[in-house]
Amino acid sequence: MMTNEAIQEVDTSDHFSMFSSQTSNFHYTYNKIREVKSSRVGDLFSAYRDILWDDGRHKYNVSSFIGEIDEILLGERFSAFDQGTLDNLIGTLRQRGNSNATINRKMAALSKLLRKALKMGDIHSLPEFRRQKERAGRIRFLERDEEARLFAAIKSRSEDAYRLSVFLVDTGCRLGEALGLIWNDIQEHRVSFWITKSGRSRTIPMTERVKEVIKVPPTEGRRPKGPFTKLSQAQFRAIWNDAKAEVGLGADDQVVPHILRHTCASRLVQGGIDIRRVQMWLGHQTLSMTMRYAHLATNDLDGCVTVLETPRTTQPTEGSVFSSPVMTVPSSAAAGRKQSDEAPVAKAAPKAPRKRSKAK
């Protein structure tokens, strides 16, 4: 005999009367009725996390997101996730100081999980997920002197953390991508990133100082699996935070390890590298993500200054790239208009009529 907690499936023609209770929720298929059990968000994540997300940093972040959502919901069980619950959840996240961008990432993970649960019959309704409007805020990057002071403070604490910092700023890779490198990913003058956030691998050349910092100092015992595998994210962030406080950057909440990726991108764009190559270097999935740095490429606008500084009395030469076909007036036409303004032009004398020839 099946218990109340088990999923019950019966033919509608024979056993429909068994489900006449008003306290049950049902999922209808072609000829089956399936009872929908109440579940916690954490239960659904445990059931489908390995199906929906690959192992890696992103899966770790999603686990943190879902855990926070389950905590906000107080572990409540549900068979339908209504709009009011979603609105209260978003409101609580905003009260906790989450930006719209962070809320969007957390809601994307929840939406993906709930859509899977709906498809599998674990819930019977979904709310409408609306993307929060994100502001294109100012992108912070390190100046050369800031980098020098910060890296010196990091090096005094940990040689491995210093090597990692240099690698991050010259490659522009993500912290998780660098920590996941193994020696087979480094070939001659290039490094390949296989496990990435976008799911697309990429290979980039290395600068001279990157070639130096990937050399692990000789130690006793077995060689590590990769150039930075001795460090964890938590260890590196702790060293980073201590070092930035020492050099007077402790109050700047944008000076986090990810700023090294912004710094790399900014230097590429300011150095004249076109935006498409910057996208390939960083491994951005869409060009719109790279366009955040496009405003730094101001060299193409230098010609505009020439036009603005040109005295108004000077006319652009004919055929110039800065001349306007609408505003430029030919000199002959201008002279004609000037003459018409000063004196009226005499009318031409009428022509004499032609004489008709007599017929022969």
Protein backbone atom coordinates (compact mmCIF):
# COMPACT_ATOMS: atom_id res chain seq x y z
CA MET A 1 0.00 0.00 0.00
CA MET A 2 1.40 3.43 -0.96
CA THR A 3 1.85 6.08 1.71
CA ASN A 4 0.55 9.63 1.54
CA GLU A 5 4.09 10.89 0.89
CA ALA A 6 4.53 8.73 -2.19
CA ILE A 7 3.63 9.89 -5.67
CA GLN A 8 0.33 8.35 -6.62
CA GLU A 9 -0.51 7.59 -10.24
CA VAL A 10 -3.83 6.01 -11.24
CA ASP A 11 -6.07 5.76 -14.29
CA THR A 12 -8.70 8.49 -14.34
CA SER A 13 -11.36 6.09 -15.50
CA ASP A 14 -11.01 3.76 -12.50
CA HIS A 15 -9.85 5.76 -9.52
CA PHE A 16 -10.79 9.39 -9.99
CA SER A 17 -12.94 9.26 -6.87
CA MET A 18 -9.86 8.58 -4.75
CA PHE A 19 -8.73 12.19 -5.22
CA SER A 20 -11.88 14.09 -4.34
CA SER A 21 -10.20 15.68 -1.29
CA GLN A 22 -10.01 19.48 -1.46
CA THR A 23 -6.64 19.57 0.38
CA SER A 24 -4.60 17.89 -2.34
CA ASN A 25 -2.91 19.40 -5.37
CA PHE A 26 -2.75 17.44 -8.60
CA HIS A 27 -0.78 17.50 -11.82
CA TYR A 28 -2.84 16.31 -14.80
CA THR A 29 -1.41 14.45 -17.80
CA TYR A 30 -3.19 12.70 -20.68
CA ASN A 31 -4.63 9.83 -18.69
CA LYS A 32 -2.93 10.11 -15.32
CA ILE A 33 -3.35 12.18 -12.17
CA ARG A 34 -0.21 12.81 -10.18
CA GLU A 35 -0.18 14.28 -6.71
CA VAL A 36 2.20 17.23 -6.31
CA LYS A 37 4.08 17.06 -3.03
CA SER A 38 5.12 20.18 -1.14
CA SER A 39 8.87 20.80 -1.34
CA ARG A 40 11.45 23.25 -0.07
CA VAL A 41 13.67 25.17 -2.47
CA GLY A 42 16.63 23.33 -0.97
CA ASP A 43 15.00 19.94 -1.69
CA LEU A 44 14.50 20.86 -5.35
CA PHE A 45 18.10 22.04 -5.64
CA SER A 46 19.40 18.79 -4.17
CA ALA A 47 17.33 16.86 -6.70
CA TYR A 48 18.35 18.77 -9.83
CA ARG A 49 21.63 20.62 -9.21
CA ASP A 50 23.79 17.97 -10.90
CA ILE A 51 21.45 17.95 -13.91
CA LEU A 52 21.17 21.70 -14.37
CA TRP A 53 24.68 22.90 -13.48
CA ASP A 54 28.14 21.60 -14.29
CA ASP A 55 30.74 21.33 -11.57
CA GLY A 56 32.74 24.49 -11.10
CA ARG A 57 32.71 27.97 -9.66
CA HIS A 58 29.31 28.85 -11.14
CA LYS A 59 27.69 25.83 -9.50
CA TYR A 60 29.27 26.87 -6.20
CA ASN A 61 27.78 30.36 -6.54
CA VAL A 62 24.35 28.97 -7.44
CA SER A 63 24.47 26.76 -4.35
CA SER A 64 25.10 29.88 -2.25
CA PHE A 65 22.23 31.74 -3.97
CA ILE A 66 19.71 28.95 -3.43
CA GLY A 67 20.83 28.49 0.16
CA GLU A 68 20.18 32.18 0.89
CA ILE A 69 16.77 32.02 -0.81
CA ASP A 70 15.79 28.96 1.22
CA GLU A 71 16.88 30.77 4.38
CA ILE A 72 14.78 33.85 3.52
CA LEU A 73 11.76 31.61 2.90
CA LEU A 74 12.37 29.98 6.29
CA GLY A 75 12.43 26.55 4.71
CA GLU A 76 8.76 26.83 3.75
CA ARG A 77 7.32 23.97 1.72
CA PHE A 78 5.21 24.75 -1.33
CA SER A 79 3.57 23.11 -4.32
CA ALA A 80 3.07 26.43 -6.14
CA PHE A 81 5.44 29.40 -6.12
CA ASP A 82 3.15 32.43 -6.34
CA GLN A 83 3.90 36.00 -7.38
CA GLY A 84 3.55 37.37 -3.85
CA THR A 85 6.25 35.04 -2.57
CA LEU A 86 8.58 36.12 -5.35
CA ASP A 87 7.94 39.84 -4.74
CA ASN A 88 8.62 39.47 -1.01
CA LEU A 89 11.81 37.57 -1.78
CA ILE A 90 13.09 40.31 -4.08
CA GLY A 91 12.17 42.96 -1.52
CA THR A 92 14.12 41.16 1.20
CA LEU A 93 17.19 40.83 -1.02
CA ARG A 94 17.06 44.55 -1.78
CA GLN A 95 16.78 45.37 1.93
CA ARG A 96 19.92 43.30 2.49
CA GLY A 97 21.83 45.59 0.14
CA ASN A 98 21.76 43.45 -3.00
CA SER A 99 22.08 45.45 -6.22
CA ASN A 100 19.72 44.83 -9.12
CA ALA A 101 22.49 42.99 -10.95
CA THR A 102 23.00 40.64 -7.99
CA ILE A 103 19.24 40.10 -7.64
CA ASN A 104 19.04 39.22 -11.34
CA ARG A 105 21.72 36.56 -10.97
CA LYS A 106 19.98 35.01 -7.97
CA MET A 107 16.58 35.09 -9.64
CA ALA A 108 18.05 33.51 -12.80
CA ALA A 109 19.21 30.54 -10.72
CA LEU A 110 15.85 30.25 -8.98
CA SER A 111 13.92 30.54 -12.25
CA LYS A 112 16.00 27.79 -13.86
CA LEU A 113 15.40 25.51 -10.88
CA LEU A 114 11.65 26.14 -10.70
CA ARG A 115 11.16 25.66 -14.44
CA LYS A 116 12.79 22.27 -14.14
CA ALA A 117 10.61 21.42 -11.15
CA LEU A 118 7.49 22.45 -13.09
CA LYS A 119 8.49 20.29 -16.03
CA MET A 120 9.05 17.31 -13.75
CA GLY A 121 5.70 17.81 -11.99
CA ASP A 122 7.12 18.87 -8.61
CA ILE A 123 5.21 22.17 -8.66
CA HIS A 124 2.14 23.19 -10.66
CA SER A 125 2.55 26.94 -11.20
CA LEU A 126 5.25 29.58 -11.63
CA PRO A 127 5.35 33.36 -11.06
CA GLU A 128 6.49 35.84 -13.70
CA PHE A 129 10.19 36.57 -13.38
CA ARG A 130 10.94 40.14 -14.47
CA ARG A 131 14.50 41.29 -14.93
CA GLN A 132 15.46 44.20 -12.69
CA LYS A 133 16.86 47.27 -14.43
CA GLU A 134 20.63 47.39 -14.05
CA ARG A 135 22.63 50.59 -14.06
CA ALA A 136 25.79 50.86 -16.11
CA GLY A 137 27.93 52.03 -13.23
CA ARG A 138 31.47 53.39 -13.29
CA ILE A 139 34.12 50.73 -13.86
CA ARG A 140 36.99 50.97 -11.40
CA PHE A 141 40.46 49.88 -12.47
CA LEU A 142 43.92 50.19 -10.95
CA GLU A 143 46.35 52.90 -11.93
CA ARG A 144 49.97 51.82 -12.34
CA ASP A 145 51.06 53.28 -9.01
CA GLU A 146 48.13 51.64 -7.20
CA GLU A 147 49.05 48.30 -8.72
CA ALA A 148 52.69 48.67 -7.65
CA ARG A 149 51.81 49.52 -4.04
CA LEU A 150 49.14 46.83 -3.75
CA PHE A 151 51.27 44.10 -5.30
CA ALA A 152 54.21 44.96 -3.06
CA ALA A 153 52.01 44.57 0.02
CA ILE A 154 50.69 41.25 -1.29
CA LYS A 155 54.20 39.98 -2.03
CA SER A 156 55.32 40.75 1.53
CA ARG A 157 52.59 38.40 2.74
CA SER A 158 52.67 35.61 0.18
CA GLU A 159 54.83 34.96 -2.86
CA ASP A 160 52.16 32.67 -4.33
CA ALA A 161 49.47 35.35 -3.95
CA TYR A 162 51.77 37.87 -5.64
CA ARG A 163 52.40 35.54 -8.59
CA LEU A 164 48.65 35.01 -8.93
CA SER A 165 47.96 38.77 -8.85
CA VAL A 166 50.39 39.45 -11.68
CA PHE A 167 48.90 36.60 -13.70
CA LEU A 168 45.37 37.95 -13.23
CA VAL A 169 46.13 41.53 -14.28
CA ASP A 170 48.14 40.55 -17.39
CA THR A 171 45.76 37.84 -18.63
CA GLY A 172 42.45 39.37 -17.52
CA CYS A 173 41.18 35.93 -16.56
CA ARG A 174 38.78 35.27 -13.71
CA LEU A 175 40.09 34.13 -10.35
CA GLY A 176 38.47 30.70 -10.65
CA GLU A 177 39.96 30.23 -14.12
CA ALA A 178 43.48 30.89 -12.83
CA LEU A 179 43.15 28.65 -9.79
CA GLY A 180 41.87 25.81 -11.97
CA LEU A 181 44.87 25.81 -14.34
CA ILE A 182 46.96 22.68 -14.67
CA TRP A 183 50.37 22.38 -16.33
CA ASN A 184 48.92 20.89 -19.53
CA ASP A 185 47.01 24.15 -20.04
CA ILE A 186 50.30 26.02 -20.52
CA GLN A 187 52.06 25.40 -23.84
CA GLU A 188 55.14 27.39 -24.88
CA HIS A 189 54.04 31.05 -25.00
CA ARG A 190 50.29 30.53 -24.57
CA VAL A 191 47.83 29.59 -21.86
CA SER A 192 44.44 27.93 -22.40
CA PHE A 193 41.39 28.31 -20.18
CA TRP A 194 39.07 25.32 -20.52
CA ILE A 195 36.72 25.73 -17.55
CA THR A 196 35.13 29.16 -18.01
CA LYS A 197 31.99 30.96 -16.93
CA SER A 198 30.67 31.21 -20.49
CA GLY A 199 31.42 27.54 -21.20
CA ARG A 200 33.72 28.52 -24.10
CA SER A 201 37.41 27.75 -23.93
CA ARG A 202 39.98 30.30 -25.11
CA THR A 203 43.74 30.52 -25.61
CA ILE A 204 45.76 33.73 -25.24
CA PRO A 205 49.48 34.60 -25.45
CA MET A 206 51.44 35.38 -22.30
CA THR A 207 53.38 38.51 -21.41
CA GLU A 208 56.98 38.20 -20.29
CA ARG A 209 56.16 38.69 -16.63
CA VAL A 210 53.38 36.10 -16.82
CA LYS A 211 55.95 33.62 -18.12
CA GLU A 212 58.02 34.37 -15.03
CA VAL A 213 55.27 34.14 -12.42
CA ILE A 214 53.96 30.76 -13.61
CA LYS A 215 57.30 29.24 -12.63
CA VAL A 216 56.70 27.67 -9.24
CA PRO A 217 59.69 27.95 -6.89
CA PRO A 218 61.25 24.51 -6.23
CA THR A 219 59.90 22.88 -3.10
CA GLU A 220 60.33 19.58 -1.39
CA GLY A 221 57.87 16.86 -2.21
CA ARG A 222 55.65 16.37 -5.23
CA ARG A 223 55.12 19.12 -7.78
CA PRO A 224 51.72 20.84 -7.48
CA LYS A 225 49.04 20.08 -10.06
CA GLY A 226 49.12 23.61 -11.45
CA PRO A 227 50.88 26.96 -11.01
CA PHE A 228 48.38 28.30 -8.46
CA THR A 229 46.77 25.19 -6.96
CA LYS A 230 48.39 25.84 -3.58
CA LEU A 231 45.99 28.73 -3.01
CA SER A 232 42.23 28.70 -2.44
CA GLN A 233 39.90 31.58 -3.20
CA ALA A 234 39.33 32.22 0.50
CA GLN A 235 43.09 32.37 1.22
CA PHE A 236 43.78 34.74 -1.66
CA ARG A 237 40.91 37.06 -0.75
CA ALA A 238 42.09 37.24 2.87
CA ILE A 239 45.61 38.20 1.76
CA TRP A 240 44.17 40.70 -0.73
CA ASN A 241 41.99 42.42 1.88
CA ASP A 242 44.88 42.77 4.35
CA ALA A 243 47.15 44.19 1.68
CA LYS A 244 44.64 46.72 0.34
CA ALA A 245 43.97 47.97 3.87
CA GLU A 246 47.71 48.49 4.36
CA VAL A 247 48.07 50.68 1.24
CA GLY A 248 45.04 52.83 2.06
CA LEU A 249 42.46 51.20 -0.22
CA GLY A 250 40.50 49.43 2.50
CA ALA A 251 37.49 51.77 2.25
CA ASP A 252 37.13 51.25 -1.51
CA ASP A 253 34.63 48.42 -1.89
CA GLN A 254 35.39 48.14 -5.62
CA VAL A 255 38.98 47.11 -5.05
CA VAL A 256 38.32 43.38 -5.09
CA PRO A 257 40.29 40.70 -7.00
CA HIS A 258 37.93 41.08 -9.99
CA ILE A 259 39.27 44.63 -10.46
CA LEU A 260 42.35 43.05 -12.05
CA ARG A 261 40.17 41.81 -14.91
CA HIS A 262 38.73 45.32 -15.37
CA THR A 263 42.26 46.73 -15.28
CA CYS A 264 43.45 44.38 -18.02
CA ALA A 265 40.46 45.21 -20.25
CA SER A 266 40.88 48.95 -19.70
CA ARG A 267 44.56 48.86 -20.62
CA LEU A 268 43.86 46.93 -23.80
CA VAL A 269 41.20 49.40 -24.96
CA GLN A 270 43.24 52.46 -24.01
CA GLY A 271 46.18 50.97 -25.89
CA GLY A 272 44.20 50.95 -29.13
CA ILE A 273 43.16 47.28 -29.29
CA ASP A 274 39.84 47.00 -31.10
CA ILE A 275 36.82 45.93 -29.09
CA ARG A 276 36.37 42.60 -30.91
CA ARG A 277 39.86 41.44 -29.98
CA VAL A 278 39.29 42.55 -26.40
CA GLN A 279 36.17 40.38 -26.35
CA MET A 280 38.18 37.37 -27.55
CA TRP A 281 40.92 38.04 -24.99
CA LEU A 282 38.51 38.25 -22.05
CA GLY A 283 36.25 35.43 -23.25
CA HIS A 284 33.05 37.46 -23.10
CA GLN A 285 30.06 35.57 -24.46
CA THR A 286 28.52 38.68 -26.04
CA LEU A 287 30.04 41.86 -27.42
CA SER A 288 27.71 43.97 -25.27
CA MET A 289 29.66 42.91 -22.17
CA THR A 290 32.90 44.18 -23.71
CA MET A 291 31.26 47.43 -24.82
CA ARG A 292 31.36 48.56 -21.19
CA TYR A 293 35.00 49.49 -21.85
CA ALA A 294 34.45 51.10 -25.25
CA HIS A 295 34.20 54.62 -23.80
CA LEU A 296 37.90 54.42 -22.96
CA ALA A 297 38.82 54.24 -26.66
CA THR A 298 38.83 58.01 -27.26
CA ASN A 299 41.52 58.13 -29.97
CA ASP A 300 38.91 57.84 -32.73
CA LEU A 301 37.29 61.08 -31.53
CA ASP A 302 40.42 63.24 -31.77
CA GLY A 303 39.38 64.52 -35.19
CA CYS A 304 36.30 66.10 -33.63
CA VAL A 305 38.51 68.47 -31.63
CA THR A 306 40.06 69.77 -34.85
CA VAL A 307 36.64 70.76 -36.16
CA LEU A 308 35.56 72.41 -32.92
CA GLU A 309 38.78 74.44 -32.63
CA THR A 310 38.68 75.66 -36.28
CA PRO A 311 37.88 79.41 -36.45
CA ARG A 312 34.44 80.14 -37.82
CA THR A 313 35.85 82.43 -40.55
CA THR A 314 37.76 79.56 -42.08
CA GLN A 315 35.70 77.51 -44.52
CA PRO A 316 36.42 73.78 -44.91
CA THR A 317 38.11 72.95 -48.18
CA GLU A 318 35.96 71.39 -50.87
CA GLY A 319 35.99 67.62 -50.63
CA SER A 320 37.15 67.60 -46.99
CA VAL A 321 35.87 64.77 -44.81
CA PHE A 322 34.57 67.41 -42.40
CA SER A 323 32.66 69.44 -45.03
CA SER A 324 28.91 69.21 -45.06
CA PRO A 325 27.10 68.76 -48.38
CA VAL A 326 24.12 70.57 -46.90
CA MET A 327 25.83 73.63 -45.41
CA THR A 328 28.62 74.21 -47.93
CA VAL A 329 27.65 76.83 -50.57
CA PRO A 330 29.51 77.00 -53.91
CA SER A 331 31.41 80.26 -54.35
CA SER A 332 29.66 81.09 -57.67
CA ALA A 333 26.23 80.73 -56.09
CA ALA A 334 27.26 82.86 -53.16
CA ALA A 335 28.55 85.58 -55.48
CA GLY A 336 25.31 85.51 -57.45
CA ARG A 337 23.24 85.94 -54.29
CA LYS A 338 25.43 88.83 -53.18
CA GLN A 339 25.01 90.61 -56.50
CA SER A 340 21.24 90.17 -56.37
CA ASP A 341 21.15 91.76 -52.93
CA GLU A 342 23.12 94.85 -54.01
CA ALA A 343 21.44 95.75 -57.34
CA PRO A 344 18.67 94.40 -59.50
CA VAL A 345 19.73 92.54 -62.58
CA ALA A 346 18.54 94.04 -65.91
CA LYS A 347 16.09 91.96 -67.87
CA ALA A 348 17.34 90.47 -71.11
CA ALA A 349 16.03 92.06 -74.39
CA PRO A 350 13.32 90.03 -76.12
CA LYS A 351 14.42 88.06 -79.14
CA ALA A 352 13.28 89.14 -82.60
CA PRO A 353 10.72 86.83 -84.18
CA ARG A 354 12.06 84.52 -86.84
CA LYS A 355 10.91 85.21 -90.44
CA ARG A 356 9.15 82.42 -92.16
CA SER A 357 10.60 81.46 -95.52
CA LYS A 358 8.29 81.59 -98.54
CA ALA A 359 7.34 78.35 -100.09
CA LYS A 360 8.95 77.68 -103.43
